[in-house]
Amino acid sequence: MRSVLIQMCEKYRKLVNEVQYIHRLVAFDGHHGLDHDLMVAQYGYLIAGDARTSELAWVAGLMHSIDRLISLISKQDVQTFLDGFINCLPDSISSEEIELIVEALGEHSKLNDPDDNPVTVALKDADRLANLGFLNLIRGGQQRPNLHPLLWVFMTDCTQSQLLKILSHA
């Protein structure tokens, strides 16, 4: 059986390409990389309660950094870029499901709420899981060298590709 990552990347190739393009525009500028978004997407897929929610959580995970990314490249309204992402989605995603995804994107940085829709719940948990990695320590040291190392865990994160980039310049 082919991996979920490969299946979903093929199914949502247009969206993956668009998100990847936005990430390339901002390069390494203190934000999460595409690898983080893919990790969140994978976690969202794995922890959602049913097959359809898993797929919607994967899509939301891939798109979840849009607000931070767009603020780095343009003063243009985030909605314009979000509409571009939504236009990359296949017709198999209904307008009601798009609303669930958009709601999850807007709510994913907030505390849990009993009224969160299932896609939002999966996205929040997936983003938190993706931020638990040891690479957060390294990125914290890079971006906030004046903080005590134990504080880095709670304030920063780092992706594997960024770590490799840092280490290659050492």
N, C-alpha and C. Protein backbone atom coordinates (compact mmCIF):
# COMPACT_ATOMS: atom_id res chain seq x y z
N MET A 1 0.84 -1.20 0.00
CA MET A 1 0.00 0.00 0.00
C MET A 1 0.88 1.25 0.00
N ARG A 2 0.51 2.20 -0.82
CA ARG A 2 1.27 3.44 -0.91
C ARG A 2 1.02 4.29 0.32
N SER A 3 2.02 5.05 0.70
CA SER A 3 1.88 5.87 1.90
C SER A 3 0.82 6.95 1.71
N VAL A 4 0.24 7.32 2.81
CA VAL A 4 -0.78 8.37 2.80
C VAL A 4 -0.19 9.66 2.27
N LEU A 5 1.02 9.97 2.66
CA LEU A 5 1.65 11.21 2.20
C LEU A 5 1.71 11.26 0.68
N ILE A 6 2.15 10.18 0.06
CA ILE A 6 2.24 10.15 -1.40
C ILE A 6 0.86 10.24 -2.03
N GLN A 7 -0.09 9.50 -1.50
CA GLN A 7 -1.45 9.53 -2.05
C GLN A 7 -2.05 10.93 -1.97
N MET A 8 -1.91 11.55 -0.82
CA MET A 8 -2.52 12.87 -0.63
C MET A 8 -1.79 13.93 -1.46
N CYS A 9 -0.47 13.85 -1.53
CA CYS A 9 0.27 14.81 -2.35
C CYS A 9 -0.11 14.69 -3.82
N GLU A 10 -0.36 13.48 -4.28
CA GLU A 10 -0.79 13.30 -5.67
C GLU A 10 -2.21 13.83 -5.87
N LYS A 11 -3.08 13.52 -4.93
CA LYS A 11 -4.48 13.95 -5.06
C LYS A 11 -4.60 15.47 -5.02
N TYR A 12 -3.78 16.10 -4.19
CA TYR A 12 -3.84 17.55 -4.00
C TYR A 12 -2.60 18.23 -4.55
N ARG A 13 -2.11 17.74 -5.70
CA ARG A 13 -0.88 18.24 -6.31
C ARG A 13 -0.92 19.75 -6.53
N LYS A 14 -2.01 20.28 -7.05
CA LYS A 14 -2.11 21.73 -7.30
C LYS A 14 -1.96 22.51 -6.00
N LEU A 15 -2.61 22.06 -4.95
CA LEU A 15 -2.51 22.75 -3.66
C LEU A 15 -1.10 22.64 -3.09
N VAL A 16 -0.51 21.47 -3.15
CA VAL A 16 0.86 21.28 -2.66
C VAL A 16 1.80 22.22 -3.41
N ASN A 17 1.66 22.32 -4.70
CA ASN A 17 2.52 23.21 -5.49
C ASN A 17 2.34 24.67 -5.09
N GLU A 18 1.10 25.07 -4.85
CA GLU A 18 0.83 26.46 -4.47
C GLU A 18 1.41 26.78 -3.09
N VAL A 19 1.23 25.88 -2.15
CA VAL A 19 1.78 26.09 -0.80
C VAL A 19 3.31 26.10 -0.87
N GLN A 20 3.87 25.21 -1.64
CA GLN A 20 5.32 25.16 -1.80
C GLN A 20 5.84 26.46 -2.41
N TYR A 21 5.13 27.00 -3.38
CA TYR A 21 5.52 28.26 -4.01
C TYR A 21 5.55 29.39 -2.97
N ILE A 22 4.52 29.48 -2.14
CA ILE A 22 4.48 30.52 -1.11
C ILE A 22 5.65 30.35 -0.14
N HIS A 23 5.95 29.12 0.25
CA HIS A 23 7.08 28.88 1.14
C HIS A 23 8.40 29.32 0.50
N ARG A 24 8.54 29.09 -0.79
CA ARG A 24 9.78 29.51 -1.46
C ARG A 24 9.92 31.03 -1.48
N LEU A 25 8.83 31.73 -1.56
CA LEU A 25 8.89 33.19 -1.57
C LEU A 25 9.46 33.75 -0.27
N VAL A 26 9.16 33.09 0.85
CA VAL A 26 9.63 33.61 2.13
C VAL A 26 10.91 32.95 2.60
N ALA A 27 11.30 31.85 1.95
CA ALA A 27 12.52 31.11 2.29
C ALA A 27 12.64 30.91 3.79
N PHE A 28 13.82 31.12 4.35
CA PHE A 28 13.99 30.95 5.79
C PHE A 28 13.87 32.30 6.45
N ASP A 29 12.72 32.59 6.99
CA ASP A 29 12.47 33.89 7.59
C ASP A 29 11.79 33.71 8.94
N GLY A 30 12.17 32.68 9.68
CA GLY A 30 11.65 32.48 11.01
C GLY A 30 10.28 31.84 11.05
N HIS A 31 9.78 31.36 9.94
CA HIS A 31 8.46 30.73 9.92
C HIS A 31 8.61 29.23 9.80
N HIS A 32 7.51 28.53 9.94
CA HIS A 32 7.50 27.10 9.69
C HIS A 32 7.72 26.85 8.21
N GLY A 33 8.42 25.77 7.90
CA GLY A 33 8.65 25.42 6.51
C GLY A 33 7.57 24.49 5.99
N LEU A 34 7.69 24.16 4.71
CA LEU A 34 6.76 23.23 4.09
C LEU A 34 6.79 21.88 4.80
N ASP A 35 7.96 21.48 5.28
CA ASP A 35 8.04 20.20 5.98
C ASP A 35 7.18 20.21 7.24
N HIS A 36 7.10 21.34 7.92
CA HIS A 36 6.23 21.43 9.10
C HIS A 36 4.77 21.29 8.68
N ASP A 37 4.40 21.99 7.61
CA ASP A 37 3.01 21.90 7.15
C ASP A 37 2.64 20.48 6.75
N LEU A 38 3.56 19.79 6.08
CA LEU A 38 3.30 18.40 5.71
C LEU A 38 3.23 17.50 6.94
N MET A 39 4.05 17.79 7.95
CA MET A 39 3.99 17.00 9.18
C MET A 39 2.65 17.21 9.89
N VAL A 40 2.20 18.44 9.95
CA VAL A 40 0.89 18.74 10.55
C VAL A 40 -0.21 18.04 9.76
N ALA A 41 -0.11 18.09 8.44
CA ALA A 41 -1.10 17.43 7.59
C ALA A 41 -1.15 15.93 7.90
N GLN A 42 0.03 15.31 8.00
CA GLN A 42 0.09 13.88 8.28
C GLN A 42 -0.50 13.55 9.66
N TYR A 43 -0.11 14.30 10.67
CA TYR A 43 -0.67 14.07 12.00
C TYR A 43 -2.18 14.25 11.99
N GLY A 44 -2.65 15.29 11.32
CA GLY A 44 -4.09 15.53 11.24
C GLY A 44 -4.81 14.36 10.60
N TYR A 45 -4.22 13.83 9.55
CA TYR A 45 -4.81 12.68 8.88
C TYR A 45 -4.89 11.48 9.83
N LEU A 46 -3.82 11.26 10.57
CA LEU A 46 -3.74 10.08 11.43
C LEU A 46 -4.64 10.15 12.66
N ILE A 47 -4.88 11.35 13.19
CA ILE A 47 -5.61 11.44 14.46
C ILE A 47 -7.08 11.79 14.31
N ALA A 48 -7.51 12.17 13.11
CA ALA A 48 -8.93 12.51 12.92
C ALA A 48 -9.80 11.28 13.13
N GLY A 49 -11.05 11.52 13.44
CA GLY A 49 -11.95 10.45 13.85
C GLY A 49 -12.49 9.56 12.74
N ASP A 50 -12.51 10.03 11.50
CA ASP A 50 -13.05 9.22 10.41
C ASP A 50 -12.31 9.58 9.12
N ALA A 51 -12.56 8.81 8.07
CA ALA A 51 -11.80 8.95 6.83
C ALA A 51 -11.96 10.33 6.19
N ARG A 52 -13.19 10.85 6.15
CA ARG A 52 -13.40 12.15 5.50
C ARG A 52 -12.76 13.27 6.30
N THR A 53 -12.93 13.24 7.62
CA THR A 53 -12.30 14.26 8.45
C THR A 53 -10.79 14.17 8.34
N SER A 54 -10.26 12.95 8.22
CA SER A 54 -8.81 12.78 8.04
C SER A 54 -8.33 13.52 6.80
N GLU A 55 -9.06 13.37 5.72
CA GLU A 55 -8.66 14.03 4.48
C GLU A 55 -8.76 15.55 4.60
N LEU A 56 -9.83 16.03 5.20
CA LEU A 56 -9.99 17.48 5.37
C LEU A 56 -8.93 18.03 6.32
N ALA A 57 -8.59 17.27 7.35
CA ALA A 57 -7.54 17.69 8.29
C ALA A 57 -6.19 17.74 7.58
N TRP A 58 -5.96 16.81 6.64
CA TRP A 58 -4.71 16.82 5.88
C TRP A 58 -4.62 18.12 5.06
N VAL A 59 -5.71 18.46 4.40
CA VAL A 59 -5.74 19.68 3.60
C VAL A 59 -5.53 20.91 4.49
N ALA A 60 -6.23 20.97 5.60
CA ALA A 60 -6.09 22.10 6.53
C ALA A 60 -4.67 22.18 7.06
N GLY A 61 -4.07 21.03 7.38
CA GLY A 61 -2.70 21.02 7.88
C GLY A 61 -1.72 21.59 6.87
N LEU A 62 -1.91 21.24 5.62
CA LEU A 62 -1.04 21.75 4.57
C LEU A 62 -1.16 23.27 4.44
N MET A 63 -2.35 23.79 4.65
CA MET A 63 -2.61 25.22 4.46
C MET A 63 -2.47 26.04 5.74
N HIS A 64 -2.20 25.42 6.87
CA HIS A 64 -2.38 26.11 8.15
C HIS A 64 -1.41 27.26 8.43
N SER A 65 -0.32 27.37 7.70
CA SER A 65 0.64 28.48 7.94
C SER A 65 0.36 29.70 7.08
N ILE A 66 -0.74 29.70 6.35
CA ILE A 66 -1.00 30.76 5.38
C ILE A 66 -0.97 32.15 5.99
N ASP A 67 -1.55 32.33 7.16
CA ASP A 67 -1.60 33.67 7.75
C ASP A 67 -0.20 34.20 8.04
N ARG A 68 0.65 33.37 8.57
CA ARG A 68 2.02 33.80 8.89
C ARG A 68 2.85 34.00 7.62
N LEU A 69 2.66 33.13 6.65
CA LEU A 69 3.44 33.23 5.41
C LEU A 69 3.08 34.49 4.63
N ILE A 70 1.80 34.74 4.49
CA ILE A 70 1.36 35.88 3.69
C ILE A 70 1.81 37.19 4.33
N SER A 71 1.80 37.26 5.65
CA SER A 71 2.22 38.50 6.32
C SER A 71 3.69 38.80 6.04
N LEU A 72 4.47 37.78 5.68
CA LEU A 72 5.88 37.99 5.38
C LEU A 72 6.14 38.45 3.95
N ILE A 73 5.22 38.19 3.04
CA ILE A 73 5.49 38.52 1.64
C ILE A 73 4.62 39.63 1.07
N SER A 74 3.53 39.97 1.73
CA SER A 74 2.61 40.91 1.10
C SER A 74 1.72 41.56 2.15
N LYS A 75 1.35 42.78 1.88
CA LYS A 75 0.35 43.43 2.72
C LYS A 75 -1.05 43.14 2.21
N GLN A 76 -1.09 42.36 1.12
CA GLN A 76 -2.36 41.98 0.52
C GLN A 76 -3.17 41.16 1.52
N ASP A 77 -4.45 41.21 1.39
CA ASP A 77 -5.36 40.48 2.26
C ASP A 77 -5.09 38.98 2.19
N VAL A 78 -4.99 38.33 3.36
CA VAL A 78 -4.80 36.89 3.43
C VAL A 78 -5.92 36.17 2.68
N GLN A 79 -7.11 36.74 2.67
CA GLN A 79 -8.24 36.11 2.00
C GLN A 79 -7.97 35.89 0.51
N THR A 80 -7.25 36.80 -0.12
CA THR A 80 -6.93 36.65 -1.53
C THR A 80 -6.10 35.40 -1.77
N PHE A 81 -5.09 35.20 -0.91
CA PHE A 81 -4.26 34.01 -1.04
C PHE A 81 -5.02 32.76 -0.66
N LEU A 82 -5.86 32.86 0.36
CA LEU A 82 -6.67 31.72 0.77
C LEU A 82 -7.59 31.29 -0.37
N ASP A 83 -8.19 32.27 -1.05
CA ASP A 83 -9.03 31.96 -2.20
C ASP A 83 -8.24 31.22 -3.28
N GLY A 84 -6.99 31.63 -3.47
CA GLY A 84 -6.14 30.94 -4.43
C GLY A 84 -5.90 29.49 -4.04
N PHE A 85 -5.67 29.25 -2.74
CA PHE A 85 -5.50 27.89 -2.25
C PHE A 85 -6.78 27.09 -2.46
N ILE A 86 -7.91 27.69 -2.12
CA ILE A 86 -9.19 26.99 -2.25
C ILE A 86 -9.48 26.64 -3.71
N ASN A 87 -9.08 27.52 -4.62
CA ASN A 87 -9.27 27.23 -6.05
C ASN A 87 -8.45 26.04 -6.52
N CYS A 88 -7.44 25.65 -5.75
CA CYS A 88 -6.63 24.48 -6.09
C CYS A 88 -7.27 23.18 -5.63
N LEU A 89 -8.33 23.28 -4.84
CA LEU A 89 -8.96 22.07 -4.31
C LEU A 89 -9.84 21.42 -5.37
N PRO A 90 -9.90 20.10 -5.35
CA PRO A 90 -10.76 19.41 -6.32
C PRO A 90 -12.24 19.61 -5.98
N ASP A 91 -13.09 19.37 -6.96
CA ASP A 91 -14.53 19.52 -6.78
C ASP A 91 -15.10 18.53 -5.77
N SER A 92 -14.34 17.51 -5.43
CA SER A 92 -14.82 16.50 -4.47
C SER A 92 -14.93 17.06 -3.05
N ILE A 93 -14.39 18.26 -2.82
CA ILE A 93 -14.55 18.91 -1.52
C ILE A 93 -15.68 19.91 -1.64
N SER A 94 -16.72 19.70 -0.85
CA SER A 94 -17.92 20.53 -0.93
C SER A 94 -17.69 21.90 -0.30
N SER A 95 -18.61 22.81 -0.57
CA SER A 95 -18.51 24.16 0.02
C SER A 95 -18.63 24.09 1.54
N GLU A 96 -19.43 23.16 2.06
CA GLU A 96 -19.55 22.99 3.51
C GLU A 96 -18.23 22.50 4.11
N GLU A 97 -17.55 21.61 3.39
CA GLU A 97 -16.26 21.12 3.87
C GLU A 97 -15.19 22.20 3.79
N ILE A 98 -15.27 23.04 2.77
CA ILE A 98 -14.34 24.17 2.67
C ILE A 98 -14.54 25.10 3.86
N GLU A 99 -15.79 25.32 4.25
CA GLU A 99 -16.07 26.16 5.43
C GLU A 99 -15.44 25.56 6.69
N LEU A 100 -15.49 24.24 6.83
CA LEU A 100 -14.85 23.58 7.98
C LEU A 100 -13.34 23.80 7.97
N ILE A 101 -12.73 23.69 6.79
CA ILE A 101 -11.29 23.90 6.66
C ILE A 101 -10.92 25.34 7.00
N VAL A 102 -11.66 26.29 6.44
CA VAL A 102 -11.37 27.71 6.67
C VAL A 102 -11.55 28.05 8.16
N GLU A 103 -12.57 27.50 8.78
CA GLU A 103 -12.76 27.72 10.21
C GLU A 103 -11.58 27.15 11.00
N ALA A 104 -11.12 25.97 10.62
CA ALA A 104 -9.98 25.35 11.30
C ALA A 104 -8.73 26.22 11.15
N LEU A 105 -8.52 26.79 9.96
CA LEU A 105 -7.36 27.65 9.75
C LEU A 105 -7.41 28.88 10.65
N GLY A 106 -8.58 29.43 10.83
CA GLY A 106 -8.73 30.62 11.66
C GLY A 106 -8.64 30.34 13.15
N GLU A 107 -8.95 29.12 13.55
CA GLU A 107 -9.02 28.79 14.97
C GLU A 107 -7.82 27.99 15.48
N HIS A 108 -6.94 27.52 14.61
CA HIS A 108 -5.95 26.53 15.03
C HIS A 108 -4.94 27.03 16.05
N SER A 109 -4.75 28.33 16.17
CA SER A 109 -3.79 28.86 17.15
C SER A 109 -4.45 29.20 18.48
N LYS A 110 -5.74 28.99 18.57
CA LYS A 110 -6.48 29.32 19.79
C LYS A 110 -6.58 28.11 20.71
N LEU A 111 -6.98 28.37 21.94
CA LEU A 111 -7.20 27.28 22.89
C LEU A 111 -8.36 26.41 22.42
N ASN A 112 -8.38 25.19 22.91
CA ASN A 112 -9.48 24.27 22.57
C ASN A 112 -10.81 24.87 23.00
N ASP A 113 -11.83 24.56 22.25
CA ASP A 113 -13.18 25.03 22.53
C ASP A 113 -14.12 23.86 22.30
N PRO A 114 -15.06 23.63 23.20
CA PRO A 114 -16.00 22.52 22.99
C PRO A 114 -16.80 22.63 21.69
N ASP A 115 -16.89 23.85 21.13
CA ASP A 115 -17.64 24.06 19.90
C ASP A 115 -16.77 23.89 18.64
N ASP A 116 -15.49 23.55 18.78
CA ASP A 116 -14.63 23.35 17.62
C ASP A 116 -15.18 22.22 16.75
N ASN A 117 -15.13 22.43 15.44
CA ASN A 117 -15.56 21.36 14.53
C ASN A 117 -14.47 20.28 14.49
N PRO A 118 -14.77 19.10 14.00
CA PRO A 118 -13.80 18.00 14.03
C PRO A 118 -12.50 18.28 13.27
N VAL A 119 -12.57 19.06 12.19
CA VAL A 119 -11.36 19.40 11.45
C VAL A 119 -10.49 20.32 12.29
N THR A 120 -11.10 21.26 12.98
CA THR A 120 -10.36 22.17 13.86
C THR A 120 -9.69 21.41 14.98
N VAL A 121 -10.41 20.47 15.59
CA VAL A 121 -9.84 19.67 16.68
C VAL A 121 -8.60 18.92 16.18
N ALA A 122 -8.73 18.27 15.03
CA ALA A 122 -7.61 17.50 14.47
C ALA A 122 -6.44 18.42 14.14
N LEU A 123 -6.72 19.59 13.56
CA LEU A 123 -5.66 20.52 13.18
C LEU A 123 -4.94 21.06 14.42
N LYS A 124 -5.67 21.45 15.43
CA LYS A 124 -5.04 21.96 16.65
C LYS A 124 -4.12 20.91 17.26
N ASP A 125 -4.61 19.70 17.38
CA ASP A 125 -3.80 18.64 17.98
C ASP A 125 -2.61 18.29 17.10
N ALA A 126 -2.81 18.26 15.80
CA ALA A 126 -1.72 17.93 14.88
C ALA A 126 -0.62 18.98 14.93
N ASP A 127 -0.98 20.26 14.98
CA ASP A 127 0.02 21.33 15.04
C ASP A 127 0.80 21.24 16.34
N ARG A 128 0.12 20.94 17.42
CA ARG A 128 0.81 20.79 18.70
C ARG A 128 1.77 19.61 18.68
N LEU A 129 1.35 18.50 18.11
CA LEU A 129 2.23 17.34 18.01
C LEU A 129 3.47 17.66 17.17
N ALA A 130 3.26 18.35 16.07
CA ALA A 130 4.39 18.69 15.19
C ALA A 130 5.37 19.63 15.87
N ASN A 131 4.92 20.39 16.84
CA ASN A 131 5.79 21.34 17.54
C ASN A 131 6.49 20.74 18.76
N LEU A 132 6.30 19.46 19.01
CA LEU A 132 6.93 18.84 20.17
C LEU A 132 8.34 18.33 19.91
N GLY A 133 8.82 18.38 18.71
CA GLY A 133 10.10 17.77 18.35
C GLY A 133 11.30 18.45 18.98
N PHE A 134 12.40 17.71 19.05
CA PHE A 134 13.64 18.22 19.64
C PHE A 134 14.24 19.36 18.83
N LEU A 135 13.88 19.45 17.57
CA LEU A 135 14.44 20.51 16.72
C LEU A 135 14.02 21.90 17.19
N ASN A 136 12.99 21.97 18.00
CA ASN A 136 12.58 23.26 18.55
C ASN A 136 13.70 23.89 19.36
N LEU A 137 14.48 23.09 20.04
CA LEU A 137 15.61 23.61 20.83
C LEU A 137 16.63 24.30 19.95
N ILE A 138 16.94 23.69 18.83
CA ILE A 138 17.96 24.25 17.95
C ILE A 138 17.47 25.55 17.32
N ARG A 139 16.25 25.55 16.85
CA ARG A 139 15.72 26.78 16.24
C ARG A 139 15.62 27.88 17.29
N GLY A 140 15.27 27.51 18.51
CA GLY A 140 15.20 28.49 19.58
C GLY A 140 16.54 29.13 19.82
N GLY A 141 17.60 28.33 19.81
CA GLY A 141 18.94 28.88 20.00
C GLY A 141 19.36 29.79 18.87
N GLN A 142 18.91 29.48 17.70
CA GLN A 142 19.25 30.29 16.54
C GLN A 142 18.52 31.62 16.57
N GLN A 143 17.23 31.60 16.89
CA GLN A 143 16.43 32.81 16.80
C GLN A 143 16.42 33.64 18.08
N ARG A 144 16.68 33.00 19.20
CA ARG A 144 16.65 33.71 20.49
C ARG A 144 17.83 33.27 21.35
N PRO A 145 19.04 33.64 20.95
CA PRO A 145 20.23 33.16 21.66
C PRO A 145 20.35 33.67 23.09
N ASN A 146 19.63 34.70 23.46
CA ASN A 146 19.73 35.24 24.81
C ASN A 146 18.84 34.54 25.82
N LEU A 147 17.98 33.64 25.36
CA LEU A 147 17.09 32.93 26.27
C LEU A 147 17.75 31.67 26.81
N HIS A 148 17.37 31.31 28.02
CA HIS A 148 17.85 30.06 28.60
C HIS A 148 17.33 28.90 27.75
N PRO A 149 18.14 27.85 27.50
CA PRO A 149 17.73 26.74 26.62
C PRO A 149 16.41 26.09 27.00
N LEU A 150 16.06 26.03 28.27
CA LEU A 150 14.80 25.41 28.65
C LEU A 150 13.60 26.22 28.18
N LEU A 151 13.78 27.51 28.00
CA LEU A 151 12.68 28.34 27.52
C LEU A 151 12.44 28.15 26.02
N TRP A 152 13.47 27.72 25.27
CA TRP A 152 13.34 27.56 23.83
C TRP A 152 12.23 26.59 23.48
N VAL A 153 12.09 25.55 24.25
CA VAL A 153 11.09 24.53 23.96
C VAL A 153 9.70 25.13 23.88
N PHE A 154 9.44 26.11 24.72
CA PHE A 154 8.10 26.67 24.81
C PHE A 154 7.88 27.85 23.87
N MET A 155 8.93 28.37 23.29
CA MET A 155 8.78 29.60 22.52
C MET A 155 9.11 29.47 21.04
N THR A 156 9.81 28.42 20.62
CA THR A 156 10.26 28.36 19.23
C THR A 156 10.14 26.95 18.69
N ASP A 157 10.49 26.81 17.42
CA ASP A 157 10.52 25.51 16.77
C ASP A 157 11.50 25.56 15.61
N CYS A 158 11.85 24.41 15.08
CA CYS A 158 12.78 24.32 13.96
C CYS A 158 12.42 23.10 13.14
N THR A 159 12.53 23.22 11.84
CA THR A 159 12.23 22.09 10.98
C THR A 159 13.51 21.34 10.65
N GLN A 160 13.38 20.10 10.22
CA GLN A 160 14.54 19.28 9.91
C GLN A 160 15.38 19.91 8.80
N SER A 161 14.74 20.40 7.75
CA SER A 161 15.50 21.00 6.65
C SER A 161 16.25 22.24 7.11
N GLN A 162 15.65 23.02 8.02
CA GLN A 162 16.34 24.20 8.53
C GLN A 162 17.53 23.80 9.39
N LEU A 163 17.38 22.73 10.17
CA LEU A 163 18.48 22.22 10.98
C LEU A 163 19.64 21.81 10.07
N LEU A 164 19.34 21.08 9.01
CA LEU A 164 20.38 20.65 8.10
C LEU A 164 21.07 21.85 7.45
N LYS A 165 20.31 22.88 7.14
CA LYS A 165 20.88 24.08 6.55
C LYS A 165 21.82 24.76 7.55
N ILE A 166 21.41 24.84 8.81
CA ILE A 166 22.24 25.44 9.85
C ILE A 166 23.52 24.64 10.02
N LEU A 167 23.39 23.32 10.11
CA LEU A 167 24.55 22.47 10.35
C LEU A 167 25.51 22.48 9.17
N SER A 168 25.00 22.67 7.97
CA SER A 168 25.88 22.67 6.79
C SER A 168 26.76 23.91 6.74
N HIS A 169 26.39 24.96 7.47
CA HIS A 169 27.18 26.19 7.50
C HIS A 169 28.10 26.24 8.71
N ALA A 170 28.07 25.21 9.54
CA ALA A 170 28.89 25.21 10.75
C ALA A 170 30.35 24.91 10.44
